[in-house]
Amino acid sequence: MNSIQIKGKLYDDETRCEHYHSYLDIVAIKFYCCNEYYPCITCHKETAGHEVHVWPDDKFNEKAVACGKCKTEMTIHDYLSSDSQCPYCKAKFNEGCKLHRHLYFQAENN
């Protein structure tokens, strides 16, 4: 993630922002609509200047989620199946983010 630019209202270099900055808020999401990373949907809404479009489920193999702790990009599928933990460095993610997945990702076909 060293070469990835995170946009929005950043709080620190682990992708926390002014809206979500607990110890566990260390995920940034590349938005489908603009191909840019933001720490949260509120940052996108306040700074991007365009509407949000969610990732379609047929694109879940795209790398579109970054861990703020180890700076690794992962696929959407890897993130959604991660059980709120980075599959690479094992850093814990905020479990509450599961409640907001529909704001970023289309429901997976099962």
N, C-alpha and C. Protein backbone atom coordinates (compact mmCIF):
# COMPACT_ATOMS: atom_id res chain seq x y z
N MET A 1 0.82 -1.18 0.00
CA MET A 1 0.00 0.00 0.00
C MET A 1 0.87 1.25 0.00
N ASN A 2 2.16 1.10 0.06
CA ASN A 2 3.03 2.27 0.07
C ASN A 2 2.78 3.16 -1.14
N SER A 3 2.44 2.60 -2.27
CA SER A 3 2.19 3.38 -3.47
C SER A 3 0.71 3.74 -3.64
N ILE A 4 -0.13 3.31 -2.73
CA ILE A 4 -1.56 3.59 -2.81
C ILE A 4 -1.85 4.89 -2.07
N GLN A 5 -2.59 5.75 -2.73
CA GLN A 5 -3.01 7.00 -2.09
C GLN A 5 -4.38 6.79 -1.47
N ILE A 6 -4.50 7.12 -0.20
CA ILE A 6 -5.78 7.06 0.49
C ILE A 6 -6.33 8.48 0.54
N LYS A 7 -7.53 8.65 0.03
CA LYS A 7 -8.16 9.96 0.02
C LYS A 7 -9.15 10.05 1.18
N GLY A 8 -9.65 11.23 1.44
CA GLY A 8 -10.61 11.41 2.51
C GLY A 8 -10.04 12.23 3.64
N LYS A 9 -10.67 12.12 4.78
CA LYS A 9 -10.29 12.91 5.95
C LYS A 9 -9.51 12.02 6.92
N LEU A 10 -8.26 11.75 6.56
CA LEU A 10 -7.43 10.81 7.30
C LEU A 10 -7.07 11.33 8.69
N TYR A 11 -6.99 10.39 9.61
CA TYR A 11 -6.64 10.64 11.00
C TYR A 11 -5.20 10.21 11.26
N ASP A 12 -4.76 9.13 10.59
CA ASP A 12 -3.39 8.64 10.75
C ASP A 12 -2.98 7.85 9.51
N ASP A 13 -1.81 7.22 9.55
CA ASP A 13 -1.29 6.50 8.39
C ASP A 13 -1.71 5.03 8.36
N GLU A 14 -2.64 4.63 9.22
CA GLU A 14 -3.17 3.26 9.19
C GLU A 14 -4.62 3.25 8.68
N THR A 15 -5.00 4.25 7.95
CA THR A 15 -6.28 4.43 7.26
C THR A 15 -7.43 4.83 8.16
N ARG A 16 -7.15 5.18 9.41
CA ARG A 16 -8.23 5.71 10.24
C ARG A 16 -8.59 7.10 9.73
N CYS A 17 -9.85 7.49 9.95
CA CYS A 17 -10.30 8.80 9.48
C CYS A 17 -11.02 9.53 10.60
N GLU A 18 -11.43 10.74 10.33
CA GLU A 18 -12.10 11.52 11.37
C GLU A 18 -13.45 10.93 11.76
N HIS A 19 -14.01 10.06 10.91
CA HIS A 19 -15.31 9.45 11.21
C HIS A 19 -15.16 8.14 11.99
N TYR A 20 -14.14 7.36 11.65
CA TYR A 20 -13.89 6.05 12.28
C TYR A 20 -12.41 5.97 12.62
N HIS A 21 -12.08 6.05 13.89
CA HIS A 21 -10.67 6.04 14.26
C HIS A 21 -10.38 5.24 15.52
N SER A 22 -11.12 4.16 15.72
CA SER A 22 -10.79 3.27 16.84
C SER A 22 -9.56 2.46 16.46
N TYR A 23 -9.03 1.76 17.41
CA TYR A 23 -7.86 0.91 17.19
C TYR A 23 -8.09 -0.07 16.04
N LEU A 24 -9.34 -0.52 15.85
CA LEU A 24 -9.67 -1.55 14.86
C LEU A 24 -10.03 -1.00 13.48
N ASP A 25 -10.15 0.30 13.33
CA ASP A 25 -10.57 0.89 12.06
C ASP A 25 -9.37 1.09 11.14
N ILE A 26 -8.90 -0.03 10.59
CA ILE A 26 -7.67 0.00 9.79
C ILE A 26 -7.86 -0.58 8.39
N VAL A 27 -9.00 -0.33 7.80
CA VAL A 27 -9.28 -0.81 6.45
C VAL A 27 -9.62 0.37 5.55
N ALA A 28 -9.08 0.36 4.35
CA ALA A 28 -9.48 1.32 3.32
C ALA A 28 -10.08 0.54 2.16
N ILE A 29 -11.06 1.12 1.52
CA ILE A 29 -11.75 0.45 0.42
C ILE A 29 -11.60 1.26 -0.85
N LYS A 30 -11.24 0.56 -1.93
CA LYS A 30 -11.19 1.19 -3.25
C LYS A 30 -12.63 1.23 -3.76
N PHE A 31 -13.12 2.40 -4.03
CA PHE A 31 -14.50 2.54 -4.48
C PHE A 31 -14.63 2.21 -5.96
N TYR A 32 -15.64 1.44 -6.28
CA TYR A 32 -15.87 1.00 -7.64
C TYR A 32 -16.11 2.17 -8.59
N CYS A 33 -16.76 3.20 -8.11
CA CYS A 33 -17.14 4.34 -8.95
C CYS A 33 -15.94 5.16 -9.42
N CYS A 34 -14.86 5.18 -8.67
CA CYS A 34 -13.75 6.07 -9.01
C CYS A 34 -12.37 5.40 -8.96
N ASN A 35 -12.33 4.15 -8.52
CA ASN A 35 -11.07 3.42 -8.43
C ASN A 35 -10.08 4.09 -7.48
N GLU A 36 -10.61 4.75 -6.45
CA GLU A 36 -9.80 5.46 -5.44
C GLU A 36 -10.09 4.89 -4.06
N TYR A 37 -9.04 4.82 -3.24
CA TYR A 37 -9.19 4.33 -1.87
C TYR A 37 -9.65 5.45 -0.93
N TYR A 38 -10.61 5.09 -0.06
CA TYR A 38 -11.10 5.95 1.01
C TYR A 38 -11.25 5.09 2.26
N PRO A 39 -11.10 5.68 3.45
CA PRO A 39 -11.27 4.91 4.68
C PRO A 39 -12.72 4.56 4.99
N CYS A 40 -13.67 5.38 4.49
CA CYS A 40 -15.08 5.10 4.78
C CYS A 40 -15.96 5.79 3.74
N ILE A 41 -17.22 5.40 3.75
CA ILE A 41 -18.17 5.96 2.80
C ILE A 41 -18.43 7.44 3.08
N THR A 42 -18.36 7.85 4.33
CA THR A 42 -18.59 9.26 4.66
C THR A 42 -17.47 10.12 4.10
N CYS A 43 -16.24 9.65 4.21
CA CYS A 43 -15.12 10.38 3.60
C CYS A 43 -15.35 10.53 2.09
N HIS A 44 -15.79 9.45 1.45
CA HIS A 44 -16.06 9.50 0.02
C HIS A 44 -17.15 10.52 -0.28
N LYS A 45 -18.24 10.46 0.45
CA LYS A 45 -19.36 11.37 0.20
C LYS A 45 -18.97 12.83 0.41
N GLU A 46 -18.11 13.09 1.39
CA GLU A 46 -17.73 14.47 1.70
C GLU A 46 -16.64 15.03 0.80
N THR A 47 -15.88 14.17 0.12
CA THR A 47 -14.72 14.68 -0.62
C THR A 47 -14.63 14.26 -2.09
N ALA A 48 -15.34 13.22 -2.51
CA ALA A 48 -15.17 12.72 -3.88
C ALA A 48 -15.89 13.54 -4.94
N GLY A 49 -17.03 14.10 -4.61
CA GLY A 49 -17.76 14.91 -5.58
C GLY A 49 -18.60 14.12 -6.56
N HIS A 50 -18.88 12.84 -6.25
CA HIS A 50 -19.75 12.04 -7.12
C HIS A 50 -20.44 10.96 -6.27
N GLU A 51 -21.43 10.32 -6.87
CA GLU A 51 -22.20 9.27 -6.20
C GLU A 51 -21.36 7.99 -6.03
N VAL A 52 -21.68 7.25 -5.02
CA VAL A 52 -21.04 5.96 -4.75
C VAL A 52 -21.72 4.89 -5.60
N HIS A 53 -20.91 4.00 -6.15
CA HIS A 53 -21.41 2.79 -6.82
C HIS A 53 -20.75 1.61 -6.14
N VAL A 54 -21.56 0.62 -5.76
CA VAL A 54 -21.02 -0.55 -5.05
C VAL A 54 -20.36 -1.51 -6.03
N TRP A 55 -19.44 -2.30 -5.49
CA TRP A 55 -18.77 -3.32 -6.30
C TRP A 55 -19.75 -4.42 -6.65
N PRO A 56 -19.90 -4.76 -7.93
CA PRO A 56 -20.77 -5.88 -8.30
C PRO A 56 -20.12 -7.20 -7.87
N ASP A 57 -20.96 -8.18 -7.54
CA ASP A 57 -20.42 -9.43 -7.01
C ASP A 57 -19.55 -10.19 -8.01
N ASP A 58 -19.66 -9.93 -9.30
CA ASP A 58 -18.80 -10.61 -10.26
C ASP A 58 -17.39 -10.00 -10.32
N LYS A 59 -17.13 -8.99 -9.52
CA LYS A 59 -15.81 -8.34 -9.46
C LYS A 59 -15.12 -8.58 -8.11
N PHE A 60 -15.62 -9.52 -7.32
CA PHE A 60 -15.09 -9.73 -5.97
C PHE A 60 -13.68 -10.33 -5.96
N ASN A 61 -13.14 -10.71 -7.11
CA ASN A 61 -11.75 -11.18 -7.17
C ASN A 61 -10.78 -10.03 -7.41
N GLU A 62 -11.30 -8.81 -7.50
CA GLU A 62 -10.46 -7.62 -7.66
C GLU A 62 -9.86 -7.23 -6.32
N LYS A 63 -8.62 -6.74 -6.35
CA LYS A 63 -8.00 -6.20 -5.14
C LYS A 63 -8.59 -4.81 -4.91
N ALA A 64 -9.34 -4.68 -3.81
CA ALA A 64 -10.05 -3.43 -3.56
C ALA A 64 -10.17 -3.10 -2.07
N VAL A 65 -9.43 -3.82 -1.24
CA VAL A 65 -9.43 -3.55 0.20
C VAL A 65 -7.98 -3.56 0.66
N ALA A 66 -7.61 -2.58 1.47
CA ALA A 66 -6.24 -2.49 1.96
C ALA A 66 -6.22 -2.50 3.48
N CYS A 67 -5.31 -3.28 4.03
CA CYS A 67 -5.09 -3.31 5.48
C CYS A 67 -4.17 -2.15 5.84
N GLY A 68 -4.61 -1.32 6.75
CA GLY A 68 -3.81 -0.19 7.19
C GLY A 68 -2.61 -0.57 8.04
N LYS A 69 -2.63 -1.76 8.60
CA LYS A 69 -1.53 -2.20 9.47
C LYS A 69 -0.34 -2.71 8.64
N CYS A 70 -0.58 -3.67 7.74
CA CYS A 70 0.53 -4.27 6.97
C CYS A 70 0.66 -3.70 5.57
N LYS A 71 -0.30 -2.86 5.17
CA LYS A 71 -0.27 -2.18 3.87
C LYS A 71 -0.48 -3.14 2.69
N THR A 72 -1.16 -4.25 2.94
CA THR A 72 -1.42 -5.25 1.89
C THR A 72 -2.80 -5.06 1.30
N GLU A 73 -2.87 -5.13 -0.03
CA GLU A 73 -4.16 -5.12 -0.72
C GLU A 73 -4.69 -6.56 -0.78
N MET A 74 -5.99 -6.69 -0.62
CA MET A 74 -6.60 -8.01 -0.73
C MET A 74 -7.83 -7.92 -1.63
N THR A 75 -8.25 -9.07 -2.10
CA THR A 75 -9.45 -9.09 -2.92
C THR A 75 -10.67 -8.86 -2.02
N ILE A 76 -11.75 -8.46 -2.64
CA ILE A 76 -12.99 -8.27 -1.90
C ILE A 76 -13.42 -9.59 -1.28
N HIS A 77 -13.30 -10.66 -2.05
CA HIS A 77 -13.67 -11.98 -1.52
C HIS A 77 -12.84 -12.32 -0.28
N ASP A 78 -11.52 -12.07 -0.34
CA ASP A 78 -10.66 -12.35 0.82
C ASP A 78 -11.11 -11.53 2.03
N TYR A 79 -11.41 -10.27 1.80
CA TYR A 79 -11.86 -9.41 2.90
C TYR A 79 -13.19 -9.90 3.48
N LEU A 80 -14.15 -10.19 2.62
CA LEU A 80 -15.46 -10.60 3.11
C LEU A 80 -15.42 -11.94 3.84
N SER A 81 -14.45 -12.77 3.53
CA SER A 81 -14.33 -14.06 4.21
C SER A 81 -13.25 -14.05 5.30
N SER A 82 -12.78 -12.87 5.68
CA SER A 82 -11.64 -12.77 6.60
C SER A 82 -12.00 -12.92 8.08
N ASP A 83 -13.27 -12.93 8.42
CA ASP A 83 -13.68 -12.99 9.82
C ASP A 83 -13.09 -11.83 10.62
N SER A 84 -13.11 -10.63 10.01
CA SER A 84 -12.67 -9.39 10.65
C SER A 84 -11.21 -9.44 11.12
N GLN A 85 -10.37 -10.05 10.27
CA GLN A 85 -8.95 -10.15 10.57
C GLN A 85 -8.18 -10.17 9.26
N CYS A 86 -7.09 -9.42 9.19
CA CYS A 86 -6.29 -9.41 7.97
C CYS A 86 -5.75 -10.82 7.70
N PRO A 87 -5.97 -11.35 6.50
CA PRO A 87 -5.46 -12.68 6.20
C PRO A 87 -3.93 -12.73 6.08
N TYR A 88 -3.28 -11.58 6.06
CA TYR A 88 -1.83 -11.52 5.90
C TYR A 88 -1.11 -11.28 7.22
N CYS A 89 -1.45 -10.21 7.94
CA CYS A 89 -0.74 -9.89 9.19
C CYS A 89 -1.52 -10.26 10.44
N LYS A 90 -2.77 -10.69 10.27
CA LYS A 90 -3.66 -11.11 11.36
C LYS A 90 -4.14 -9.97 12.25
N ALA A 91 -3.94 -8.72 11.82
CA ALA A 91 -4.48 -7.59 12.57
C ALA A 91 -6.00 -7.68 12.59
N LYS A 92 -6.59 -7.33 13.71
CA LYS A 92 -8.04 -7.37 13.86
C LYS A 92 -8.67 -6.15 13.20
N PHE A 93 -9.79 -6.37 12.50
CA PHE A 93 -10.58 -5.31 11.91
C PHE A 93 -11.82 -5.08 12.77
N ASN A 94 -12.44 -3.95 12.61
CA ASN A 94 -13.65 -3.62 13.34
C ASN A 94 -14.79 -4.52 12.86
N GLU A 95 -15.32 -5.36 13.77
CA GLU A 95 -16.40 -6.27 13.40
C GLU A 95 -17.68 -5.53 13.02
N GLY A 96 -17.84 -4.30 13.51
CA GLY A 96 -19.00 -3.50 13.17
C GLY A 96 -19.08 -3.16 11.69
N CYS A 97 -17.95 -3.25 10.99
CA CYS A 97 -17.95 -2.96 9.55
C CYS A 97 -18.84 -3.92 8.78
N LYS A 98 -19.09 -5.09 9.33
CA LYS A 98 -19.97 -6.05 8.66
C LYS A 98 -21.36 -5.46 8.43
N LEU A 99 -21.77 -4.57 9.31
CA LEU A 99 -23.09 -3.94 9.19
C LEU A 99 -23.18 -2.98 8.01
N HIS A 100 -22.03 -2.56 7.49
CA HIS A 100 -21.99 -1.56 6.41
C HIS A 100 -21.55 -2.14 5.07
N ARG A 101 -21.36 -3.42 4.98
CA ARG A 101 -20.85 -4.02 3.74
C ARG A 101 -21.70 -3.69 2.53
N HIS A 102 -23.01 -3.61 2.72
CA HIS A 102 -23.91 -3.32 1.60
C HIS A 102 -23.68 -1.93 1.01
N LEU A 103 -23.02 -1.05 1.74
CA LEU A 103 -22.71 0.28 1.23
C LEU A 103 -21.54 0.27 0.23
N TYR A 104 -20.77 -0.80 0.23
CA TYR A 104 -19.57 -0.91 -0.60
C TYR A 104 -19.65 -2.06 -1.62
N PHE A 105 -20.33 -3.15 -1.20
CA PHE A 105 -20.31 -4.39 -1.99
C PHE A 105 -21.73 -4.91 -2.21
N GLN A 106 -22.00 -5.34 -3.43
CA GLN A 106 -23.27 -5.99 -3.74
C GLN A 106 -23.32 -7.31 -2.97
N ALA A 107 -24.51 -7.78 -2.65
CA ALA A 107 -24.65 -9.06 -1.97
C ALA A 107 -24.06 -10.16 -2.84
N GLU A 108 -23.29 -11.04 -2.22
CA GLU A 108 -22.68 -12.15 -2.96
C GLU A 108 -23.75 -13.15 -3.39
N ASN A 109 -23.56 -13.71 -4.58
CA ASN A 109 -24.41 -14.82 -5.02
C ASN A 109 -23.90 -16.07 -4.33
N ASN A 110 -24.80 -16.82 -3.76
CA ASN A 110 -24.39 -18.06 -3.08
C ASN A 110 -24.81 -19.26 -3.87
